[in-house]
C-alpha atoms as a PDB file:
ATOM      1  CA  MET A   1      10.486   2.802  -8.759  1.00  0.00           C
ATOM      2  CA  ASN A   2      13.710   2.327  -6.786  1.00  0.00           C
ATOM      3  CA  LEU A   3      13.570   0.101  -3.672  1.00  0.00           C
ATOM      4  CA  LYS A   4      16.455   1.945  -2.054  1.00  0.00           C
ATOM      5  CA  ASP A   5      14.457   5.244  -2.456  1.00  0.00           C
ATOM      6  CA  GLU A   6      11.322   3.639  -1.021  1.00  0.00           C
ATOM      7  CA  PHE A   7      13.193   2.428   2.060  1.00  0.00           C
ATOM      8  CA  SER A   8      14.823   5.856   2.429  1.00  0.00           C
ATOM      9  CA  SER A   9      11.460   7.489   2.649  1.00  0.00           C
ATOM     10  CA  LEU A  10      10.175   5.267   5.529  1.00  0.00           C
ATOM     11  CA  GLY A  11       9.928   7.082   8.739  1.00  0.00           C
ATOM     12  CA  ASN A  12       9.029   4.712  11.527  1.00  0.00           C
ATOM     13  CA  TYR A  13      10.015   1.097  12.184  1.00  0.00           C
ATOM     14  CA  PHE A  14       7.337  -1.638  12.071  1.00  0.00           C
ATOM     15  CA  SER A  15       5.152   0.537   9.781  1.00  0.00           C
ATOM     16  CA  PRO A  16       4.722  -1.159   6.413  1.00  0.00           C
ATOM     17  CA  ARG A  17       4.003   0.979   3.319  1.00  0.00           C
ATOM     18  CA  ILE A  18       2.295  -0.266   0.203  1.00  0.00           C
ATOM     19  CA  ILE A  19       4.356   0.703  -2.809  1.00  0.00           C
ATOM     20  CA  GLY A  20       2.566  -1.371  -5.491  1.00  0.00           C
ATOM     21  CA  GLU A  21       0.215  -4.067  -6.382  1.00  0.00           C
ATOM     22  CA  VAL A  22       0.044  -7.118  -8.567  1.00  0.00           C
ATOM     23  CA  ASN A  23      -3.346  -8.665  -9.186  1.00  0.00           C
ATOM     24  CA  ASP A  24      -4.730  -9.226  -5.704  1.00  0.00           C
ATOM     25  CA  GLN A  25      -1.478  -8.768  -3.857  1.00  0.00           C
ATOM     26  CA  TYR A  26       0.163  -5.731  -2.380  1.00  0.00           C
ATOM     27  CA  ILE A  27       3.866  -5.110  -2.436  1.00  0.00           C
ATOM     28  CA  LYS A  28       5.083  -3.497   0.858  1.00  0.00           C
ATOM     29  CA  VAL A  29       8.301  -2.261   2.336  1.00  0.00           C
ATOM     30  CA  VAL A  30       8.999  -2.092   5.961  1.00  0.00           C
ATOM     31  CA  LYS A  31      11.985  -1.541   8.207  1.00  0.00           C
ATOM     32  CA  ILE A  32      12.240  -3.134  11.608  1.00  0.00           C
ATOM     33  CA  LYS A  33      14.587  -2.955  14.570  1.00  0.00           C
ATOM     34  CA  GLY A  34      13.909  -4.559  17.923  1.00  0.00           C
ATOM     35  CA  GLN A  35      11.157  -6.874  18.873  1.00  0.00           C
ATOM     36  CA  GLU A  36       7.772  -5.141  18.729  1.00  0.00           C
ATOM     37  CA  VAL A  37       5.770  -7.519  16.476  1.00  0.00           C
ATOM     38  CA  PRO A  38       3.255  -9.592  18.528  1.00  0.00           C
ATOM     39  CA  TRP A  39       2.653 -13.308  17.849  1.00  0.00           C
ATOM     40  CA  HIS A  40      -0.014 -13.399  15.273  1.00  0.00           C
ATOM     41  CA  ASN A  41      -1.327 -15.215  12.245  1.00  0.00           C
ATOM     42  CA  HIS A  42      -3.241 -14.687   9.075  1.00  0.00           C
ATOM     43  CA  GLU A  43      -6.108 -17.123   8.826  1.00  0.00           C
ATOM     44  CA  ASN A  44      -6.568 -17.113   5.082  1.00  0.00           C
ATOM     45  CA  GLU A  45      -3.345 -15.695   3.574  1.00  0.00           C
ATOM     46  CA  ASP A  46       0.212 -16.647   3.040  1.00  0.00           C
ATOM     47  CA  GLU A  47       2.822 -13.867   3.563  1.00  0.00           C
ATOM     48  CA  LEU A  48       6.032 -13.512   1.649  1.00  0.00           C
ATOM     49  CA  PHE A  49       9.105 -11.944   3.326  1.00  0.00           C
ATOM     50  CA  TYR A  50      12.121 -10.997   1.265  1.00  0.00           C
ATOM     51  CA  VAL A  51      15.086  -9.526   3.205  1.00  0.00           C
ATOM     52  CA  VAL A  52      16.641  -6.624   1.375  1.00  0.00           C
ATOM     53  CA  LYS A  53      19.196  -5.619   3.987  1.00  0.00           C
ATOM     54  CA  GLY A  54      20.099  -6.909   7.454  1.00  0.00           C
ATOM     55  CA  THR A  55      19.235 -10.020   9.385  1.00  0.00           C
ATOM     56  CA  LEU A  56      15.694 -11.141  10.379  1.00  0.00           C
ATOM     57  CA  LEU A  57      14.744 -13.613  13.088  1.00  0.00           C
ATOM     58  CA  MET A  58      11.594 -15.437  11.978  1.00  0.00           C
ATOM     59  CA  GLU A  59       9.875 -17.254  14.819  1.00  0.00           C
ATOM     60  CA  ILE A  60       7.087 -19.741  13.938  1.00  0.00           C
ATOM     61  CA  GLU A  61       5.257 -21.496  16.758  1.00  0.00           C
ATOM     62  CA  ASN A  62       6.399 -25.127  17.299  1.00  0.00           C
ATOM     63  CA  GLN A  63       9.142 -24.834  14.708  1.00  0.00           C
ATOM     64  CA  PRO A  64      12.822 -24.034  14.920  1.00  0.00           C
ATOM     65  CA  ASP A  65      13.641 -20.340  14.586  1.00  0.00           C
ATOM     66  CA  LEU A  66      14.944 -19.114  11.275  1.00  0.00           C
ATOM     67  CA  ILE A  67      17.613 -16.553  10.648  1.00  0.00           C
ATOM     68  CA  LEU A  68      17.030 -14.814   7.260  1.00  0.00           C
ATOM     69  CA  LYS A  69      19.760 -12.746   5.784  1.00  0.00           C
ATOM     70  CA  LYS A  70      20.062 -10.269   2.843  1.00  0.00           C
ATOM     71  CA  GLY A  71      18.676 -11.947  -0.233  1.00  0.00           C
ATOM     72  CA  ASP A  72      16.700 -14.676   1.612  1.00  0.00           C
ATOM     73  CA  LEU A  73      12.997 -15.162   0.833  1.00  0.00           C
ATOM     74  CA  PHE A  74      10.513 -17.012   3.092  1.00  0.00           C
ATOM     75  CA  VAL A  75       6.810 -17.618   2.876  1.00  0.00           C
ATOM     76  CA  VAL A  76       4.792 -17.957   6.128  1.00  0.00           C
ATOM     77  CA  LYS A  77       1.815 -20.241   5.288  1.00  0.00           C
ATOM     78  CA  LYS A  78      -1.625 -19.155   6.295  1.00  0.00           C
ATOM     79  CA  GLY A  79      -2.638 -19.981   9.821  1.00  0.00           C
ATOM     80  CA  LYS A  80       0.880 -20.240  11.169  1.00  0.00           C
ATOM     81  CA  ASN A  81       1.448 -18.271  14.347  1.00  0.00           C
ATOM     82  CA  HIS A  82       4.590 -16.172  13.891  1.00  0.00           C
ATOM     83  CA  ARG A  83       6.516 -13.036  14.712  1.00  0.00           C
ATOM     84  CA  VAL A  84       9.693 -11.308  13.479  1.00  0.00           C
ATOM     85  CA  SER A  85      12.448  -9.285  15.035  1.00  0.00           C
ATOM     86  CA  SER A  86      15.922  -7.852  14.372  1.00  0.00           C
ATOM     87  CA  LYS A  87      18.688  -6.678  16.624  1.00  0.00           C
ATOM     88  CA  LYS A  88      19.726  -4.188  14.049  1.00  0.00           C
ATOM     89  CA  GLU A  89      17.873  -2.386  11.308  1.00  0.00           C
ATOM     90  CA  CYS A  90      16.461  -4.860   8.797  1.00  0.00           C
ATOM     91  CA  LEU A  91      14.680  -3.874   5.519  1.00  0.00           C
ATOM     92  CA  ILE A  92      12.122  -6.155   4.238  1.00  0.00           C
ATOM     93  CA  MET A  93       9.856  -6.375   1.161  1.00  0.00           C
ATOM     94  CA  LEU A  94       6.497  -8.104   1.778  1.00  0.00           C
ATOM     95  CA  ILE A  95       4.057  -9.515  -0.671  1.00  0.00           C
ATOM     96  CA  GLU A  96       0.649 -10.071   0.771  1.00  0.00           C
ATOM     97  CA  SER A  97      -3.044 -10.459  -0.278  1.00  0.00           C
ATOM     98  CA  LYS A  98      -4.900  -7.239  -0.220  1.00  0.00           C
ATOM     99  CA  THR A  99      -7.010  -8.543   2.675  1.00  0.00           C
ATOM    100  CA  THR A 100      -4.000  -9.373   4.916  1.00  0.00           C
ATOM    101  CA  GLU A 101      -4.193  -7.524   8.252  1.00  0.00           C
ATOM    102  CA  HIS A 102      -0.841  -6.161   9.486  1.00  0.00           C
ATOM    103  CA  THR A 103      -0.881  -8.059  12.725  1.00  0.00           C
ATOM    104  CA  GLY A 104      -3.704 -10.493  12.048  1.00  0.00           C
ATOM    105  CA  LYS A 105      -6.489 -10.333  14.638  1.00  0.00           C
ATOM    106  CA  ILE A 106      -4.063  -8.972  17.238  1.00  0.00           C
ATOM    107  CA  THR A 107      -4.087  -5.318  17.944  1.00  0.00           C
ATOM    108  CA  SER A 108      -0.834  -3.687  19.348  1.00  0.00           C
ATOM    109  CA  ALA A 109       0.936  -0.349  19.268  1.00  0.00           C
ATOM    110  CA  ILE A 110       2.345  -1.052  15.864  1.00  0.00           C
ATOM    111  CA  THR A 111      -0.847  -2.341  14.129  1.00  0.00           C
ATOM    112  CA  LYS A 112      -1.667  -0.344  10.986  1.00  0.00           C
ATOM    113  CA  SER A 113      -4.852  -0.581   8.962  1.00  0.00           C
ATOM    114  CA  ILE A 114      -4.519  -1.328   5.274  1.00  0.00           C
ATOM    115  CA  GLU A 115      -5.620   2.177   4.537  1.00  0.00           C
ATOM    116  CA  ASP A 116      -2.847   3.604   6.789  1.00  0.00           C
ATOM    117  CA  GLN A 117      -0.307   1.528   4.847  1.00  0.00           C
ATOM    118  CA  PHE A 118      -0.744   3.798   1.814  1.00  0.00           C
ATOM    119  CA  CYS A 119       0.773   6.762   3.607  1.00  0.00           C
END
């Protein structure tokens, strides 16, 4: 598998795709641009973000904003209200538990079920 090829095959922004799994974790790729991710949290799961290309604004409620750049890795701890955005295209690899809902309990225009993330 080649990550560059996986990112090239993504069609829409804010639409994660599962590309593999390790034990009880999914490995996902997603590209974002703009600010469409709603504030949300994952009650029982941590979420790993690895920036492959671009710059990611990570907002976590009641904490200073973080700017993640290519090569940066960050783990959002379970229960932390957060959202991400990027002014220009940003490519991200995610590692999440198989039970992690895309936008937590919040439903928005970008929310995808786990089943839809296999497409």
